[in-house]
């Protein structure tokens, strides 16, 4: 059974940092590109960052360039999203994605 389980979300003040993790199971993780998406209230889900199976960065959303970093550890079946210099516009549910599979999401709230 394919599973993607996100963790690491929470409440953080503007300017703060969080690291999200997504641990995969049920498939050969090292063979697939991985993506992070987010969805803010009342908005469409948007692609945040993507990484190839080998760990090469594919792209970042313009809104997060220079602040967010996607990475992966194929030995741990885990993809990460390091988020720095967070601002209230980053508030959203963040989802891990591999092709048609989605995690349950983790809430990130940036507020003072």
C-alpha atoms as a PDB file:
ATOM      1  CA  UNK A   1       0.000   0.000   0.000  1.00  0.00           C
ATOM      2  CA  UNK A   2       1.448   3.319  -1.099  1.00  0.00           C
ATOM      3  CA  UNK A   3       1.630   5.882   1.682  1.00  0.00           C
ATOM      4  CA  UNK A   4       2.997   9.389   1.965  1.00  0.00           C
ATOM      5  CA  UNK A   5       3.064  10.787   5.490  1.00  0.00           C
ATOM      6  CA  UNK A   6       3.930  14.427   6.085  1.00  0.00           C
ATOM      7  CA  UNK A   7       5.106  15.904   9.362  1.00  0.00           C
ATOM      8  CA  UNK A   8       6.760  19.025  10.697  1.00  0.00           C
ATOM      9  CA  UNK A   9       4.032  21.600  10.273  1.00  0.00           C
ATOM     10  CA  UNK A  10       2.967  23.989  12.973  1.00  0.00           C
ATOM     11  CA  UNK A  11       2.634  27.587  14.070  1.00  0.00           C
ATOM     12  CA  UNK A  12       5.623  29.841  13.506  1.00  0.00           C
ATOM     13  CA  UNK A  13       6.207  33.574  13.731  1.00  0.00           C
ATOM     14  CA  UNK A  14       7.005  35.630  10.631  1.00  0.00           C
ATOM     15  CA  UNK A  15      10.678  35.278   9.795  1.00  0.00           C
ATOM     16  CA  UNK A  16      10.859  31.846  11.357  1.00  0.00           C
ATOM     17  CA  UNK A  17      11.707  28.469   9.899  1.00  0.00           C
ATOM     18  CA  UNK A  18      10.194  25.008   9.666  1.00  0.00           C
ATOM     19  CA  UNK A  19      11.307  21.768   8.086  1.00  0.00           C
ATOM     20  CA  UNK A  20       8.655  19.510   6.638  1.00  0.00           C
ATOM     21  CA  UNK A  21       9.247  15.821   6.108  1.00  0.00           C
ATOM     22  CA  UNK A  22       7.405  13.300   3.957  1.00  0.00           C
ATOM     23  CA  UNK A  23       8.127   9.646   4.479  1.00  0.00           C
ATOM     24  CA  UNK A  24       7.095   7.239   1.754  1.00  0.00           C
ATOM     25  CA  UNK A  25       6.288   3.553   1.837  1.00  0.00           C
ATOM     26  CA  UNK A  26       4.822   0.929  -0.441  1.00  0.00           C
ATOM     27  CA  UNK A  27       6.860   1.776  -3.531  1.00  0.00           C
ATOM     28  CA  UNK A  28      10.482   2.168  -4.641  1.00  0.00           C
ATOM     29  CA  UNK A  29      10.979   5.721  -3.487  1.00  0.00           C
ATOM     30  CA  UNK A  30      14.404   6.204  -5.072  1.00  0.00           C
ATOM     31  CA  UNK A  31      12.930   5.720  -8.560  1.00  0.00           C
ATOM     32  CA  UNK A  32      10.488   8.638  -8.471  1.00  0.00           C
ATOM     33  CA  UNK A  33      10.517  12.382  -8.568  1.00  0.00           C
ATOM     34  CA  UNK A  34       8.802  14.009  -5.601  1.00  0.00           C
ATOM     35  CA  UNK A  35       6.921  17.259  -5.214  1.00  0.00           C
ATOM     36  CA  UNK A  36       5.632  19.550  -2.503  1.00  0.00           C
ATOM     37  CA  UNK A  37       2.372  21.433  -3.057  1.00  0.00           C
ATOM     38  CA  UNK A  38       0.440  23.791  -0.838  1.00  0.00           C
ATOM     39  CA  UNK A  39      -3.113  25.011  -0.628  1.00  0.00           C
ATOM     40  CA  UNK A  40      -4.131  28.147   1.190  1.00  0.00           C
ATOM     41  CA  UNK A  41      -7.736  28.782   2.249  1.00  0.00           C
ATOM     42  CA  UNK A  42      -9.829  29.790  -0.734  1.00  0.00           C
ATOM     43  CA  UNK A  43      -7.011  29.224  -3.194  1.00  0.00           C
ATOM     44  CA  UNK A  44      -6.047  26.506  -5.628  1.00  0.00           C
ATOM     45  CA  UNK A  45      -3.377  23.990  -4.806  1.00  0.00           C
ATOM     46  CA  UNK A  46      -0.026  25.169  -6.137  1.00  0.00           C
ATOM     47  CA  UNK A  47       3.288  23.481  -6.801  1.00  0.00           C
ATOM     48  CA  UNK A  48       5.947  24.655  -4.369  1.00  0.00           C
ATOM     49  CA  UNK A  49       8.996  22.575  -5.273  1.00  0.00           C
ATOM     50  CA  UNK A  50      10.010  19.449  -7.143  1.00  0.00           C
ATOM     51  CA  UNK A  51      13.035  17.176  -7.096  1.00  0.00           C
ATOM     52  CA  UNK A  52      14.156  14.332  -9.330  1.00  0.00           C
ATOM     53  CA  UNK A  53      14.693  10.774  -8.167  1.00  0.00           C
ATOM     54  CA  UNK A  54      18.435  11.472  -8.012  1.00  0.00           C
ATOM     55  CA  UNK A  55      18.054  14.629  -5.964  1.00  0.00           C
ATOM     56  CA  UNK A  56      18.340  17.250  -8.679  1.00  0.00           C
ATOM     57  CA  UNK A  57      16.106  20.249  -8.113  1.00  0.00           C
ATOM     58  CA  UNK A  58      13.510  20.585 -10.858  1.00  0.00           C
ATOM     59  CA  UNK A  59      11.935  23.870  -9.919  1.00  0.00           C
ATOM     60  CA  UNK A  60      10.587  26.149  -7.221  1.00  0.00           C
ATOM     61  CA  UNK A  61       7.579  28.431  -7.227  1.00  0.00           C
ATOM     62  CA  UNK A  62       8.690  32.023  -7.722  1.00  0.00           C
ATOM     63  CA  UNK A  63       7.164  32.955  -4.386  1.00  0.00           C
ATOM     64  CA  UNK A  64       9.508  30.648  -2.445  1.00  0.00           C
ATOM     65  CA  UNK A  65      12.755  30.912  -4.397  1.00  0.00           C
ATOM     66  CA  UNK A  66      15.673  31.743  -2.137  1.00  0.00           C
ATOM     67  CA  UNK A  67      13.691  30.830   0.984  1.00  0.00           C
ATOM     68  CA  UNK A  68      12.677  27.177   0.585  1.00  0.00           C
ATOM     69  CA  UNK A  69      14.872  24.184  -0.163  1.00  0.00           C
ATOM     70  CA  UNK A  70      13.700  20.763  -1.243  1.00  0.00           C
ATOM     71  CA  UNK A  71      15.901  17.750  -0.626  1.00  0.00           C
ATOM     72  CA  UNK A  72      15.625  14.013  -0.251  1.00  0.00           C
ATOM     73  CA  UNK A  73      17.259  11.076   1.462  1.00  0.00           C
ATOM     74  CA  UNK A  74      16.644   7.945  -0.560  1.00  0.00           C
ATOM     75  CA  UNK A  75      18.067   5.761   2.201  1.00  0.00           C
ATOM     76  CA  UNK A  76      15.310   7.020   4.505  1.00  0.00           C
ATOM     77  CA  UNK A  77      12.540   7.172   1.865  1.00  0.00           C
ATOM     78  CA  UNK A  78      12.029  10.781   2.852  1.00  0.00           C
ATOM     79  CA  UNK A  79      11.724  14.106   1.086  1.00  0.00           C
ATOM     80  CA  UNK A  80      12.145  17.374   2.963  1.00  0.00           C
ATOM     81  CA  UNK A  81      11.116  20.986   2.570  1.00  0.00           C
ATOM     82  CA  UNK A  82      13.220  23.445   4.520  1.00  0.00           C
ATOM     83  CA  UNK A  83      11.311  26.700   4.810  1.00  0.00           C
ATOM     84  CA  UNK A  84      13.084  29.847   5.954  1.00  0.00           C
ATOM     85  CA  UNK A  85      12.032  33.482   6.245  1.00  0.00           C
ATOM     86  CA  UNK A  86       8.418  32.444   6.481  1.00  0.00           C
ATOM     87  CA  UNK A  87       5.720  35.056   6.042  1.00  0.00           C
ATOM     88  CA  UNK A  88       1.934  34.976   6.525  1.00  0.00           C
ATOM     89  CA  UNK A  89       1.435  34.324   2.797  1.00  0.00           C
ATOM     90  CA  UNK A  90       3.086  30.939   3.311  1.00  0.00           C
ATOM     91  CA  UNK A  91       0.199  29.825   5.528  1.00  0.00           C
ATOM     92  CA  UNK A  92      -1.319  26.752   3.913  1.00  0.00           C
ATOM     93  CA  UNK A  93      -1.700  23.022   4.097  1.00  0.00           C
ATOM     94  CA  UNK A  94       1.422  21.484   2.576  1.00  0.00           C
ATOM     95  CA  UNK A  95       1.146  18.219   0.673  1.00  0.00           C
ATOM     96  CA  UNK A  96       3.683  15.696  -0.482  1.00  0.00           C
ATOM     97  CA  UNK A  97       3.072  14.222  -3.922  1.00  0.00           C
ATOM     98  CA  UNK A  98       4.351  11.401  -6.074  1.00  0.00           C
ATOM     99  CA  UNK A  99       2.490  11.067  -9.359  1.00  0.00           C
ATOM    100  CA  UNK A 100      -1.123  10.309  -8.410  1.00  0.00           C
ATOM    101  CA  UNK A 101      -0.370   9.747  -4.735  1.00  0.00           C
ATOM    102  CA  UNK A 102      -0.866  12.422  -2.082  1.00  0.00           C
ATOM    103  CA  UNK A 103      -0.153  12.653   1.584  1.00  0.00           C
ATOM    104  CA  UNK A 104      -2.738  13.825   4.077  1.00  0.00           C
ATOM    105  CA  UNK A 105      -1.145  17.246   4.378  1.00  0.00           C
ATOM    106  CA  UNK A 106       0.416  19.188   7.226  1.00  0.00           C
ATOM    107  CA  UNK A 107      -0.748  22.622   8.321  1.00  0.00           C
ATOM    108  CA  UNK A 108       1.720  25.499   8.339  1.00  0.00           C
ATOM    109  CA  UNK A 109       0.535  28.710   9.969  1.00  0.00           C
ATOM    110  CA  UNK A 110       2.691  31.814   9.976  1.00  0.00           C
ATOM    111  CA  UNK A 111       1.391  34.368  12.417  1.00  0.00           C
ATOM    112  CA  UNK A 112       2.528  36.642  15.198  1.00  0.00           C
END
